[in-house]
Amino acid sequence: MDGKDLNPPALLKAILSQFGFSLEQNSTNELLGLLRVYTLQQAASHDAPILIIENTYALKASALRAMCELASLKVRGTSALK
């Protein structure tokens, strides 16, 4: 996915759509919570999701903070999102 100029809700919706979710929520907290639950469940079943984002340098600062929160998710000491 292309991260250029994405804010947190747009970024999280794009990520979730890549994993097959179609959502109407616009709340960053709700979207982040859903993504957190999904990635932790997948990682716990030894199938951690893989995410590739192009142009991460062009993400809005608030979207980068959301990415850092996702990157910090761990299951059994390993990243829940690759």
N, C-alpha and C. Protein backbone atom coordinates (compact mmCIF):
# COMPACT_ATOMS: atom_id res chain seq x y z
N MET A 1 0.83 -1.18 0.00
CA MET A 1 0.00 0.00 0.00
C MET A 1 0.87 1.24 0.00
N ASP A 2 0.33 2.33 -0.43
CA ASP A 2 1.04 3.60 -0.51
C ASP A 2 0.68 4.45 0.71
N GLY A 3 1.67 4.85 1.49
CA GLY A 3 1.43 5.62 2.70
C GLY A 3 1.43 7.12 2.51
N LYS A 4 1.60 7.58 1.29
CA LYS A 4 1.75 9.02 1.05
C LYS A 4 0.55 9.81 1.56
N ASP A 5 0.84 10.76 2.45
CA ASP A 5 -0.12 11.72 3.00
C ASP A 5 -1.28 11.09 3.77
N LEU A 6 -1.13 9.86 4.23
CA LEU A 6 -2.22 9.24 4.98
C LEU A 6 -2.23 9.70 6.43
N ASN A 7 -3.42 10.00 6.94
CA ASN A 7 -3.59 10.29 8.35
C ASN A 7 -3.93 8.97 9.04
N PRO A 8 -3.98 8.94 10.38
CA PRO A 8 -4.21 7.66 11.07
C PRO A 8 -5.45 6.89 10.62
N PRO A 9 -6.65 7.51 10.56
CA PRO A 9 -7.81 6.71 10.14
C PRO A 9 -7.65 6.15 8.73
N ALA A 10 -7.15 6.94 7.82
CA ALA A 10 -6.97 6.47 6.43
C ALA A 10 -5.94 5.34 6.37
N LEU A 11 -4.86 5.48 7.12
CA LEU A 11 -3.83 4.45 7.17
C LEU A 11 -4.39 3.15 7.74
N LEU A 12 -5.07 3.24 8.87
CA LEU A 12 -5.60 2.04 9.53
C LEU A 12 -6.68 1.37 8.69
N LYS A 13 -7.53 2.17 8.03
CA LYS A 13 -8.54 1.59 7.14
C LYS A 13 -7.88 0.88 5.96
N ALA A 14 -6.83 1.48 5.41
CA ALA A 14 -6.12 0.86 4.29
C ALA A 14 -5.48 -0.45 4.71
N ILE A 15 -4.88 -0.47 5.89
CA ILE A 15 -4.26 -1.70 6.40
C ILE A 15 -5.33 -2.77 6.60
N LEU A 16 -6.41 -2.41 7.26
CA LEU A 16 -7.47 -3.38 7.52
C LEU A 16 -8.09 -3.88 6.22
N SER A 17 -8.22 -3.02 5.22
CA SER A 17 -8.78 -3.48 3.94
C SER A 17 -7.84 -4.48 3.27
N GLN A 18 -6.54 -4.32 3.47
CA GLN A 18 -5.57 -5.28 2.93
C GLN A 18 -5.73 -6.65 3.57
N PHE A 19 -6.25 -6.67 4.79
CA PHE A 19 -6.47 -7.93 5.50
C PHE A 19 -7.91 -8.42 5.35
N GLY A 20 -8.69 -7.78 4.45
CA GLY A 20 -10.03 -8.25 4.13
C GLY A 20 -11.18 -7.62 4.89
N PHE A 21 -10.91 -6.57 5.67
CA PHE A 21 -11.96 -5.90 6.42
C PHE A 21 -12.52 -4.73 5.61
N SER A 22 -13.81 -4.52 5.70
CA SER A 22 -14.47 -3.37 5.09
C SER A 22 -15.21 -2.65 6.20
N LEU A 23 -14.76 -1.46 6.55
CA LEU A 23 -15.27 -0.78 7.75
C LEU A 23 -15.79 0.61 7.46
N GLU A 24 -16.71 1.03 8.30
CA GLU A 24 -17.24 2.39 8.22
C GLU A 24 -16.73 3.27 9.36
N GLN A 25 -16.10 2.65 10.38
CA GLN A 25 -15.63 3.43 11.53
C GLN A 25 -14.57 4.44 11.07
N ASN A 26 -14.58 5.59 11.74
CA ASN A 26 -13.57 6.60 11.48
C ASN A 26 -12.75 6.92 12.71
N SER A 27 -13.08 6.30 13.82
CA SER A 27 -12.37 6.54 15.06
C SER A 27 -11.01 5.84 15.02
N THR A 28 -9.96 6.59 15.20
CA THR A 28 -8.62 6.02 15.21
C THR A 28 -8.51 4.95 16.29
N ASN A 29 -9.07 5.21 17.45
CA ASN A 29 -8.98 4.23 18.55
C ASN A 29 -9.69 2.93 18.21
N GLU A 30 -10.88 3.01 17.60
CA GLU A 30 -11.60 1.80 17.21
C GLU A 30 -10.84 1.01 16.14
N LEU A 31 -10.34 1.72 15.15
CA LEU A 31 -9.60 1.07 14.07
C LEU A 31 -8.32 0.43 14.59
N LEU A 32 -7.61 1.16 15.43
CA LEU A 32 -6.37 0.65 16.01
C LEU A 32 -6.66 -0.56 16.91
N GLY A 33 -7.73 -0.50 17.66
CA GLY A 33 -8.11 -1.62 18.52
C GLY A 33 -8.42 -2.87 17.71
N LEU A 34 -9.17 -2.72 16.62
CA LEU A 34 -9.49 -3.85 15.77
C LEU A 34 -8.24 -4.44 15.14
N LEU A 35 -7.37 -3.58 14.67
CA LEU A 35 -6.12 -4.04 14.06
C LEU A 35 -5.23 -4.72 15.09
N ARG A 36 -5.21 -4.18 16.30
CA ARG A 36 -4.42 -4.78 17.39
C ARG A 36 -4.92 -6.20 17.69
N VAL A 37 -6.23 -6.36 17.84
CA VAL A 37 -6.81 -7.68 18.13
C VAL A 37 -6.52 -8.65 16.99
N TYR A 38 -6.72 -8.21 15.77
CA TYR A 38 -6.49 -9.08 14.61
C TYR A 38 -5.04 -9.55 14.54
N THR A 39 -4.10 -8.62 14.66
CA THR A 39 -2.69 -9.00 14.53
C THR A 39 -2.24 -9.90 15.67
N LEU A 40 -2.70 -9.63 16.88
CA LEU A 40 -2.32 -10.47 18.01
C LEU A 40 -2.89 -11.88 17.88
N GLN A 41 -4.13 -11.99 17.41
CA GLN A 41 -4.72 -13.31 17.21
C GLN A 41 -3.99 -14.08 16.12
N GLN A 42 -3.68 -13.41 15.03
CA GLN A 42 -2.98 -14.06 13.93
C GLN A 42 -1.59 -14.51 14.37
N ALA A 43 -0.89 -13.65 15.07
CA ALA A 43 0.46 -13.98 15.52
C ALA A 43 0.43 -15.12 16.54
N ALA A 44 -0.58 -15.15 17.39
CA ALA A 44 -0.69 -16.22 18.38
C ALA A 44 -0.91 -17.57 17.71
N SER A 45 -1.50 -17.57 16.52
CA SER A 45 -1.71 -18.82 15.79
C SER A 45 -0.56 -19.08 14.80
N HIS A 46 0.57 -18.42 15.02
CA HIS A 46 1.80 -18.59 14.22
C HIS A 46 1.61 -18.17 12.77
N ASP A 47 0.77 -17.17 12.54
CA ASP A 47 0.54 -16.66 11.19
C ASP A 47 0.52 -15.13 11.23
N ALA A 48 1.62 -14.54 11.70
CA ALA A 48 1.68 -13.08 11.84
C ALA A 48 1.48 -12.41 10.49
N PRO A 49 0.59 -11.40 10.44
CA PRO A 49 0.35 -10.70 9.18
C PRO A 49 1.59 -9.92 8.73
N ILE A 50 1.72 -9.80 7.44
CA ILE A 50 2.84 -9.05 6.85
C ILE A 50 2.26 -7.80 6.20
N LEU A 51 2.88 -6.67 6.47
CA LEU A 51 2.41 -5.40 5.94
C LEU A 51 3.56 -4.71 5.23
N ILE A 52 3.33 -4.30 4.00
CA ILE A 52 4.34 -3.56 3.23
C ILE A 52 3.75 -2.20 2.89
N ILE A 53 4.43 -1.16 3.33
CA ILE A 53 3.96 0.21 3.08
C ILE A 53 5.05 0.96 2.32
N GLU A 54 4.69 1.44 1.15
CA GLU A 54 5.59 2.28 0.37
C GLU A 54 5.43 3.73 0.81
N ASN A 55 6.45 4.51 0.62
CA ASN A 55 6.44 5.94 0.92
C ASN A 55 6.12 6.24 2.39
N THR A 56 6.66 5.44 3.28
CA THR A 56 6.41 5.68 4.70
C THR A 56 6.96 7.04 5.14
N TYR A 57 7.97 7.53 4.45
CA TYR A 57 8.53 8.85 4.77
C TYR A 57 7.49 9.95 4.56
N ALA A 58 6.45 9.67 3.77
CA ALA A 58 5.45 10.69 3.45
C ALA A 58 4.19 10.56 4.32
N LEU A 59 4.20 9.62 5.28
CA LEU A 59 3.07 9.51 6.20
C LEU A 59 3.01 10.76 7.08
N LYS A 60 1.83 11.13 7.48
CA LYS A 60 1.69 12.22 8.44
C LYS A 60 2.26 11.75 9.78
N ALA A 61 2.76 12.68 10.59
CA ALA A 61 3.40 12.33 11.86
C ALA A 61 2.49 11.51 12.76
N SER A 62 1.22 11.85 12.79
CA SER A 62 0.29 11.11 13.64
C SER A 62 0.11 9.68 13.14
N ALA A 63 0.19 9.45 11.84
CA ALA A 63 0.11 8.10 11.28
C ALA A 63 1.37 7.31 11.62
N LEU A 64 2.50 7.99 11.66
CA LEU A 64 3.75 7.32 12.06
C LEU A 64 3.65 6.85 13.51
N ARG A 65 3.03 7.64 14.36
CA ARG A 65 2.84 7.23 15.76
C ARG A 65 1.97 5.97 15.83
N ALA A 66 0.93 5.90 15.02
CA ALA A 66 0.09 4.71 14.98
C ALA A 66 0.89 3.50 14.51
N MET A 67 1.76 3.70 13.52
CA MET A 67 2.61 2.62 13.02
C MET A 67 3.57 2.15 14.12
N CYS A 68 4.11 3.06 14.88
CA CYS A 68 5.01 2.69 15.99
C CYS A 68 4.28 1.86 17.03
N GLU A 69 3.02 2.22 17.29
CA GLU A 69 2.25 1.43 18.25
C GLU A 69 2.02 0.02 17.72
N LEU A 70 1.73 -0.11 16.45
CA LEU A 70 1.54 -1.44 15.85
C LEU A 70 2.85 -2.22 15.85
N ALA A 71 3.94 -1.55 15.58
CA ALA A 71 5.24 -2.22 15.54
C ALA A 71 5.66 -2.73 16.91
N SER A 72 5.12 -2.14 17.96
CA SER A 72 5.50 -2.55 19.31
C SER A 72 4.71 -3.77 19.82
N LEU A 73 3.71 -4.21 19.07
CA LEU A 73 2.92 -5.37 19.50
C LEU A 73 3.76 -6.64 19.42
N LYS A 74 3.74 -7.41 20.50
CA LYS A 74 4.54 -8.63 20.59
C LYS A 74 3.68 -9.81 21.05
N VAL A 75 4.01 -10.97 20.53
CA VAL A 75 3.43 -12.24 20.99
C VAL A 75 4.60 -13.20 21.20
N ARG A 76 4.71 -13.70 22.41
CA ARG A 76 5.81 -14.59 22.78
C ARG A 76 7.19 -14.01 22.41
N GLY A 77 7.32 -12.72 22.61
CA GLY A 77 8.60 -12.05 22.39
C GLY A 77 8.92 -11.70 20.95
N THR A 78 8.03 -12.01 20.01
CA THR A 78 8.28 -11.66 18.60
C THR A 78 7.19 -10.72 18.11
N SER A 79 7.49 -10.01 17.06
CA SER A 79 6.56 -9.03 16.51
C SER A 79 5.26 -9.69 16.06
N ALA A 80 4.15 -9.04 16.39
CA ALA A 80 2.84 -9.55 15.97
C ALA A 80 2.53 -9.14 14.54
N LEU A 81 3.17 -8.10 14.07
CA LEU A 81 2.96 -7.61 12.71
C LEU A 81 4.32 -7.49 12.05
N LYS A 82 4.48 -8.13 10.96
CA LYS A 82 5.76 -8.12 10.26
C LYS A 82 5.74 -7.13 9.13
